[in-house]
Amino acid sequence: MRHIVSLIIILALAGCGGGYHQAKRKVGRAPAPQTFSVPSGQAVIAPATRTPSGAPVPVAAAPVARPFATGPIQQACLASDRKARSRELCGCIQAVANGTLSASDQRLAVGFYGDPHRAQEIRQSDSSHHEAFWQHYKDYAERAESACR
């Protein structure tokens, strides 16, 4: 985590047209570096910094790791013919499924990769089981969209 914070500070200083030495020449001394702590598992967004003249300096944010898991949806996703599939994306989708869908719901959802029409049949079904599944599946799809894209 300290490496990420250090990288953000270095990028911020490098982006202000000369970094430490340029700032020291203009003002006589460099601004004190800002430090902060971030709870693990959360996005890192550096606090806004300013040049000696008061202009804001763009600061790079550290990439946020996507969740990842292996399982039946991940395997079906990787085996699909979708162009956007990747190990990272399929693993993220599986991780979201693990937190949203039961094992039986996951088994049912796996079938959609090989037979997309099956999803339409289940969505339009009058079965109370299929209705409950479809609500869980919609929640899963929304969460996967926001977490994995």
C-alpha atoms as a PDB file:
ATOM      1  CA  MET A   1       0.000   0.000   0.000  1.00  0.00           C
ATOM      2  CA  ARG A   2       2.880   2.372   0.775  1.00  0.00           C
ATOM      3  CA  HIS A   3       4.225   1.738  -2.714  1.00  0.00           C
ATOM      4  CA  ILE A   4       0.950   2.871  -4.245  1.00  0.00           C
ATOM      5  CA  VAL A   5       0.855   6.025  -2.131  1.00  0.00           C
ATOM      6  CA  SER A   6       4.488   6.759  -3.026  1.00  0.00           C
ATOM      7  CA  LEU A   7       3.746   6.257  -6.709  1.00  0.00           C
ATOM      8  CA  ILE A   8       0.805   8.658  -6.533  1.00  0.00           C
ATOM      9  CA  ILE A   9       2.926  11.331  -4.844  1.00  0.00           C
ATOM     10  CA  ILE A  10       5.722  10.875  -7.391  1.00  0.00           C
ATOM     11  CA  LEU A  11       3.262  11.152 -10.272  1.00  0.00           C
ATOM     12  CA  ALA A  12       1.735  14.272  -8.734  1.00  0.00           C
ATOM     13  CA  LEU A  13       5.118  15.929  -8.351  1.00  0.00           C
ATOM     14  CA  ALA A  14       6.247  14.891 -11.814  1.00  0.00           C
ATOM     15  CA  GLY A  15       3.079  16.339 -13.318  1.00  0.00           C
ATOM     16  CA  CYS A  16       3.725  19.830 -11.950  1.00  0.00           C
ATOM     17  CA  GLY A  17       6.412  20.646 -14.514  1.00  0.00           C
ATOM     18  CA  GLY A  18       9.656  19.701 -12.874  1.00  0.00           C
ATOM     19  CA  GLY A  19       8.670  18.011  -9.681  1.00  0.00           C
ATOM     20  CA  TYR A  20      10.490  18.781  -6.461  1.00  0.00           C
ATOM     21  CA  HIS A  21      13.344  20.810  -7.916  1.00  0.00           C
ATOM     22  CA  GLN A  22      11.095  23.011 -10.053  1.00  0.00           C
ATOM     23  CA  ALA A  23       8.848  23.745  -7.088  1.00  0.00           C
ATOM     24  CA  LYS A  24      11.876  24.501  -4.902  1.00  0.00           C
ATOM     25  CA  ARG A  25      13.231  27.013  -7.429  1.00  0.00           C
ATOM     26  CA  LYS A  26       9.897  28.812  -7.741  1.00  0.00           C
ATOM     27  CA  VAL A  27       9.014  29.047  -4.053  1.00  0.00           C
ATOM     28  CA  GLY A  28      12.259  28.378  -2.277  1.00  0.00           C
ATOM     29  CA  ARG A  29      11.097  25.128  -0.746  1.00  0.00           C
ATOM     30  CA  ALA A  30       9.043  22.159  -1.821  1.00  0.00           C
ATOM     31  CA  PRO A  31       5.592  21.588  -0.363  1.00  0.00           C
ATOM     32  CA  ALA A  32       5.427  18.935   2.324  1.00  0.00           C
ATOM     33  CA  PRO A  33       4.200  15.631   0.911  1.00  0.00           C
ATOM     34  CA  GLN A  34       0.708  14.656   1.972  1.00  0.00           C
ATOM     35  CA  THR A  35       0.230  11.278   3.587  1.00  0.00           C
ATOM     36  CA  PHE A  36      -2.967   9.361   4.135  1.00  0.00           C
ATOM     37  CA  SER A  37      -4.075   5.858   4.961  1.00  0.00           C
ATOM     38  CA  VAL A  38      -6.585   3.781   3.045  1.00  0.00           C
ATOM     39  CA  PRO A  39      -8.525   0.809   4.432  1.00  0.00           C
ATOM     40  CA  SER A  40      -7.645  -2.342   2.511  1.00  0.00           C
ATOM     41  CA  GLY A  41      -9.944  -3.311  -0.344  1.00  0.00           C
ATOM     42  CA  GLN A  42     -11.002   0.261  -1.121  1.00  0.00           C
ATOM     43  CA  ALA A  43     -10.187   2.494  -4.060  1.00  0.00           C
ATOM     44  CA  VAL A  44      -7.228   4.805  -3.680  1.00  0.00           C
ATOM     45  CA  ILE A  45      -7.891   8.359  -4.736  1.00  0.00           C
ATOM     46  CA  ALA A  46      -5.178  10.815  -3.897  1.00  0.00           C
ATOM     47  CA  PRO A  47      -6.127  14.096  -2.277  1.00  0.00           C
ATOM     48  CA  ALA A  48      -6.022  17.140  -4.506  1.00  0.00           C
ATOM     49  CA  THR A  49      -2.658  18.878  -4.550  1.00  0.00           C
ATOM     50  CA  ARG A  50      -1.773  22.323  -5.774  1.00  0.00           C
ATOM     51  CA  THR A  51       1.245  23.914  -7.398  1.00  0.00           C
ATOM     52  CA  PRO A  52       3.005  26.768  -5.598  1.00  0.00           C
ATOM     53  CA  SER A  53       0.885  29.197  -7.647  1.00  0.00           C
ATOM     54  CA  GLY A  54      -2.292  27.528  -6.327  1.00  0.00           C
ATOM     55  CA  ALA A  55      -3.302  25.739  -9.546  1.00  0.00           C
ATOM     56  CA  PRO A  56      -4.616  22.187  -9.044  1.00  0.00           C
ATOM     57  CA  VAL A  57      -2.368  19.331 -10.129  1.00  0.00           C
ATOM     58  CA  PRO A  58      -4.001  16.309 -11.772  1.00  0.00           C
ATOM     59  CA  VAL A  59      -3.355  13.236  -9.657  1.00  0.00           C
ATOM     60  CA  ALA A  60      -3.461   9.643 -10.903  1.00  0.00           C
ATOM     61  CA  ALA A  61      -5.646   7.191  -9.037  1.00  0.00           C
ATOM     62  CA  ALA A  62      -4.369   3.699  -8.355  1.00  0.00           C
ATOM     63  CA  PRO A  63      -6.194   0.921 -10.187  1.00  0.00           C
ATOM     64  CA  VAL A  64      -8.785  -0.956  -8.188  1.00  0.00           C
ATOM     65  CA  ALA A  65      -8.514  -4.735  -8.273  1.00  0.00           C
ATOM     66  CA  ARG A  66     -11.611  -6.533  -9.497  1.00  0.00           C
ATOM     67  CA  PRO A  67     -12.970  -9.441  -7.516  1.00  0.00           C
ATOM     68  CA  PHE A  68     -12.037 -12.859  -8.909  1.00  0.00           C
ATOM     69  CA  ALA A  69     -13.276 -16.418  -8.394  1.00  0.00           C
ATOM     70  CA  THR A  70     -13.460 -19.692 -10.260  1.00  0.00           C
ATOM     71  CA  GLY A  71     -16.577 -21.764 -10.694  1.00  0.00           C
ATOM     72  CA  PRO A  72     -19.244 -22.884 -13.151  1.00  0.00           C
ATOM     73  CA  ILE A  73     -20.140 -19.432 -14.482  1.00  0.00           C
ATOM     74  CA  GLN A  74     -16.480 -18.539 -14.979  1.00  0.00           C
ATOM     75  CA  GLN A  75     -15.902 -21.762 -16.917  1.00  0.00           C
ATOM     76  CA  ALA A  76     -18.999 -21.239 -19.069  1.00  0.00           C
ATOM     77  CA  CYS A  77     -17.986 -17.647 -19.717  1.00  0.00           C
ATOM     78  CA  LEU A  78     -14.488 -18.679 -20.830  1.00  0.00           C
ATOM     79  CA  ALA A  79     -15.918 -21.412 -23.073  1.00  0.00           C
ATOM     80  CA  SER A  80     -18.392 -18.998 -24.698  1.00  0.00           C
ATOM     81  CA  ASP A  81     -17.868 -17.369 -28.078  1.00  0.00           C
ATOM     82  CA  ARG A  82     -18.244 -13.817 -26.733  1.00  0.00           C
ATOM     83  CA  LYS A  83     -15.517 -11.457 -27.947  1.00  0.00           C
ATOM     84  CA  ALA A  84     -15.216  -9.580 -24.651  1.00  0.00           C
ATOM     85  CA  ARG A  85     -14.462 -12.682 -22.593  1.00  0.00           C
ATOM     86  CA  SER A  86     -11.232 -12.812 -20.650  1.00  0.00           C
ATOM     87  CA  ARG A  87      -9.962 -14.656 -17.612  1.00  0.00           C
ATOM     88  CA  GLU A  88     -10.252 -11.482 -15.522  1.00  0.00           C
ATOM     89  CA  LEU A  89     -13.773 -10.609 -16.672  1.00  0.00           C
ATOM     90  CA  CYS A  90     -15.117 -14.149 -16.311  1.00  0.00           C
ATOM     91  CA  GLY A  91     -13.513 -14.487 -12.872  1.00  0.00           C
ATOM     92  CA  CYS A  92     -15.071 -11.213 -11.776  1.00  0.00           C
ATOM     93  CA  ILE A  93     -18.488 -12.331 -12.999  1.00  0.00           C
ATOM     94  CA  GLN A  94     -18.097 -15.568 -11.022  1.00  0.00           C
ATOM     95  CA  ALA A  95     -17.108 -13.672  -7.871  1.00  0.00           C
ATOM     96  CA  VAL A  96     -20.240 -11.540  -8.124  1.00  0.00           C
ATOM     97  CA  ALA A  97     -22.328 -14.671  -8.767  1.00  0.00           C
ATOM     98  CA  ASN A  98     -20.898 -16.276  -5.620  1.00  0.00           C
ATOM     99  CA  GLY A  99     -22.184 -13.353  -3.589  1.00  0.00           C
ATOM    100  CA  THR A 100     -25.550 -13.072  -5.335  1.00  0.00           C
ATOM    101  CA  LEU A 101     -26.733 -16.431  -6.709  1.00  0.00           C
ATOM    102  CA  SER A 102     -27.194 -19.762  -4.969  1.00  0.00           C
ATOM    103  CA  ALA A 103     -25.445 -22.824  -6.377  1.00  0.00           C
ATOM    104  CA  SER A 104     -28.662 -23.983  -8.075  1.00  0.00           C
ATOM    105  CA  ASP A 105     -29.200 -20.498  -9.550  1.00  0.00           C
ATOM    106  CA  GLN A 106     -25.646 -20.578 -10.882  1.00  0.00           C
ATOM    107  CA  ARG A 107     -26.244 -23.956 -12.512  1.00  0.00           C
ATOM    108  CA  LEU A 108     -29.350 -22.561 -14.200  1.00  0.00           C
ATOM    109  CA  ALA A 109     -27.499 -19.415 -15.336  1.00  0.00           C
ATOM    110  CA  VAL A 110     -24.667 -21.482 -16.855  1.00  0.00           C
ATOM    111  CA  GLY A 111     -27.148 -22.785 -19.419  1.00  0.00           C
ATOM    112  CA  PHE A 112     -27.628 -19.247 -20.780  1.00  0.00           C
ATOM    113  CA  TYR A 113     -24.112 -19.250 -22.196  1.00  0.00           C
ATOM    114  CA  GLY A 114     -24.806 -22.215 -24.454  1.00  0.00           C
ATOM    115  CA  ASP A 115     -28.494 -21.432 -25.109  1.00  0.00           C
ATOM    116  CA  PRO A 116     -29.343 -17.702 -24.789  1.00  0.00           C
ATOM    117  CA  HIS A 117     -32.956 -18.437 -25.717  1.00  0.00           C
ATOM    118  CA  ARG A 118     -33.270 -20.400 -22.472  1.00  0.00           C
ATOM    119  CA  ALA A 119     -32.950 -17.119 -20.546  1.00  0.00           C
ATOM    120  CA  GLN A 120     -35.918 -15.706 -22.445  1.00  0.00           C
ATOM    121  CA  GLU A 121     -37.970 -18.811 -21.711  1.00  0.00           C
ATOM    122  CA  ILE A 122     -37.244 -18.586 -17.988  1.00  0.00           C
ATOM    123  CA  ARG A 123     -37.900 -14.851 -17.882  1.00  0.00           C
ATOM    124  CA  GLN A 124     -41.334 -15.351 -19.450  1.00  0.00           C
ATOM    125  CA  SER A 125     -42.186 -18.478 -17.430  1.00  0.00           C
ATOM    126  CA  ASP A 126     -45.181 -18.469 -15.086  1.00  0.00           C
ATOM    127  CA  SER A 127     -43.338 -20.631 -12.542  1.00  0.00           C
ATOM    128  CA  SER A 128     -42.843 -18.974  -9.144  1.00  0.00           C
ATOM    129  CA  HIS A 129     -39.412 -20.641  -8.961  1.00  0.00           C
ATOM    130  CA  HIS A 130     -38.411 -19.049 -12.272  1.00  0.00           C
ATOM    131  CA  GLU A 131     -39.807 -15.670 -11.142  1.00  0.00           C
ATOM    132  CA  ALA A 132     -37.690 -15.758  -7.980  1.00  0.00           C
ATOM    133  CA  PHE A 133     -34.665 -16.877  -9.979  1.00  0.00           C
ATOM    134  CA  TRP A 134     -35.131 -14.081 -12.502  1.00  0.00           C
ATOM    135  CA  GLN A 135     -35.205 -11.442  -9.753  1.00  0.00           C
ATOM    136  CA  HIS A 136     -31.963 -12.839  -8.299  1.00  0.00           C
ATOM    137  CA  TYR A 137     -30.456 -13.004 -11.779  1.00  0.00           C
ATOM    138  CA  LYS A 138     -31.330  -9.363 -12.514  1.00  0.00           C
ATOM    139  CA  ASP A 139     -29.705  -8.285  -9.239  1.00  0.00           C
ATOM    140  CA  TYR A 140     -26.648 -10.360 -10.126  1.00  0.00           C
ATOM    141  CA  ALA A 141     -26.434  -8.858 -13.621  1.00  0.00           C
ATOM    142  CA  GLU A 142     -26.588  -5.286 -12.268  1.00  0.00           C
ATOM    143  CA  ARG A 143     -23.908  -5.986  -9.677  1.00  0.00           C
ATOM    144  CA  ALA A 144     -21.659  -7.737 -12.187  1.00  0.00           C
ATOM    145  CA  GLU A 145     -22.025  -4.838 -14.618  1.00  0.00           C
ATOM    146  CA  SER A 146     -20.931  -2.284 -12.032  1.00  0.00           C
ATOM    147  CA  ALA A 147     -18.166  -4.411 -10.466  1.00  0.00           C
ATOM    148  CA  CYS A 148     -16.629  -5.907 -13.595  1.00  0.00           C
ATOM    149  CA  ARG A 149     -16.680  -3.163 -16.247  1.00  0.00           C
END
